[in-house]
Protein backbone atom coordinates (compact mmCIF):
# COMPACT_ATOMS: atom_id res chain seq x y z
CA MET A 1 214.51 120.06 323.11
CA GLY A 2 211.92 122.22 322.86
CA ALA A 3 210.26 119.67 325.62
CA VAL A 4 213.01 120.34 328.11
CA VAL A 5 213.08 123.81 327.35
CA LEU A 6 209.32 123.52 327.90
CA ALA A 7 209.76 121.48 331.10
CA GLY A 8 212.25 124.30 332.47
CA GLY A 9 210.54 126.84 331.74
CA LEU A 10 207.41 125.29 333.53
CA ALA A 11 209.44 124.29 336.97
CA LEU A 12 210.51 128.14 337.15
CA LEU A 13 207.01 129.18 336.82
CA LEU A 14 205.54 126.34 339.37
CA SER A 15 208.38 126.99 341.72
CA GLY A 16 207.73 131.09 341.50
CA ALA A 17 204.12 130.10 341.91
CA ALA A 18 204.35 128.63 344.72
CA LEU A 19 206.69 130.84 346.79
CA ALA A 20 204.13 133.71 345.97
CA ALA A 21 201.91 131.73 347.61
CA SER A 22 204.15 131.17 350.66
CA SER A 23 205.91 135.18 350.65
CA GLN A 24 205.72 138.47 349.90
CA THR A 25 207.53 137.16 346.26
CA PRO A 26 206.25 139.55 343.22
CA VAL A 27 204.89 136.78 340.78
CA PRO A 28 206.71 136.23 337.67
CA VAL A 29 205.63 138.11 334.98
CA VAL A 30 203.17 136.59 332.57
CA ASP A 31 203.77 133.93 330.04
CA PRO A 32 202.62 134.80 326.34
CA THR A 33 202.82 130.48 325.45
CA ALA A 34 200.16 129.94 327.61
CA LYS A 35 197.19 131.29 325.90
CA ASN A 36 196.07 128.49 323.47
CA LEU A 37 197.09 126.33 324.87
CA THR A 38 194.52 123.02 325.88
CA PRO A 39 193.63 121.37 328.80
CA TYR A 40 195.82 118.58 327.67
CA MET A 41 198.53 120.61 326.90
CA ILE A 42 198.98 122.02 330.31
CA LYS A 43 198.37 118.91 331.91
CA LEU A 44 201.81 117.72 330.18
CA ARG A 45 203.11 121.23 330.93
CA ALA A 46 202.11 119.74 334.79
CA PHE A 47 203.68 116.78 334.20
CA ASP A 48 206.74 117.50 332.79
CA ALA A 49 206.95 120.67 335.57
CA CYS A 50 206.13 117.97 338.38
CA LEU A 51 209.21 115.70 337.25
CA VAL A 52 212.18 118.05 336.79
CA ASN A 53 210.74 119.60 340.61
CA GLN A 54 210.04 116.40 342.21
CA SER A 55 213.17 114.37 340.46
CA GLY A 56 215.55 117.20 342.39
CA LEU A 57 213.57 117.57 345.57
CA LEU A 58 213.73 114.37 346.54
CA LYS A 59 216.47 113.46 344.98
CA THR A 60 215.66 110.53 342.54
CA THR A 61 215.36 110.15 338.92
CA ARG A 62 212.68 111.14 336.99
CA GLU A 63 211.94 107.94 335.78
CA ALA A 64 210.85 107.13 339.96
CA VAL A 65 208.73 110.14 339.93
CA HIS A 66 207.02 109.21 336.78
CA THR A 67 203.85 107.87 338.26
CA PRO A 68 203.40 109.94 340.71
CA CYS A 69 203.51 113.05 338.43
CA SER A 70 201.94 111.49 336.50
CA CYS A 71 198.69 111.11 339.26
CA TYR A 72 199.69 115.09 340.09
CA ALA A 73 198.71 116.55 336.25
CA ASN A 74 196.22 114.29 335.74
CA GLY A 75 194.52 114.90 339.15
CA THR A 76 194.76 118.73 339.10
CA ILE A 77 194.61 119.47 335.80
CA GLU A 78 191.03 117.57 335.53
CA SER A 79 189.91 119.00 338.89
CA MET A 80 190.16 122.91 337.14
CA THR A 81 187.08 124.77 336.76
CA LYS A 82 187.01 126.31 333.16
CA ASP A 83 187.95 129.27 334.82
CA GLU A 84 191.06 128.48 336.07
CA ILE A 85 192.10 126.41 332.91
CA GLN A 86 191.21 130.36 331.51
CA ALA A 87 193.31 132.06 334.65
CA PHE A 88 195.92 129.32 333.65
CA ARG A 89 196.29 130.55 329.65
CA ASP A 90 195.93 134.10 330.97
CA THR A 91 199.18 133.95 332.83
CA GLY A 92 200.89 130.76 333.15
CA TYR A 93 200.04 130.08 336.08
CA PHE A 94 197.45 128.29 338.67
CA ASN A 95 195.44 131.17 340.33
CA ASP A 96 195.14 130.67 343.84
CA SER A 97 191.57 128.27 343.75
CA ALA A 98 193.53 125.77 341.05
CA ARG A 99 197.07 126.23 343.37
CA GLU A 100 195.11 124.85 346.47
CA LYS A 101 194.09 121.95 344.24
CA ALA A 102 197.21 121.07 342.58
CA LEU A 103 198.88 121.49 346.43
CA SER A 104 196.10 118.35 347.40
CA PHE A 105 196.96 116.61 344.13
CA LEU A 106 200.45 116.61 345.34
CA ASP A 107 199.90 115.53 349.24
CA LYS A 108 197.33 112.74 347.45
CA CYS A 109 199.92 111.19 345.08
CA LYS A 110 202.55 111.22 347.71
CA LEU A 111 205.00 113.88 346.18
CA LYS A 112 206.88 116.72 348.53
CA ARG A 113 204.97 119.93 348.38
CA PRO A 114 208.20 122.62 347.44
CA PHE A 115 207.90 124.73 349.94
């Protein structure tokens, strides 16, 4: 149950971050649960959010996007700098430079951009 809530919460976080990048919409409130996350835990959040978002965007099952979402989460988090990881811990969101990396990995892993 916790993983479902976590995935749903992260899906909202990523959706909000994507909207903030493309509009004047204010970024949602800081996520206090992110402050002690390891890079591995951030990767799991990104993977879970990807499954939720991409299955909806592509109108398919989560199983169908498992491999591309794994590609996305691994690539994005592995490419993040220590500062980008810390920025995620501070806010629960990708900062601008990490967001660019995330968008790049959506493309590389053949996933749909959320906007």
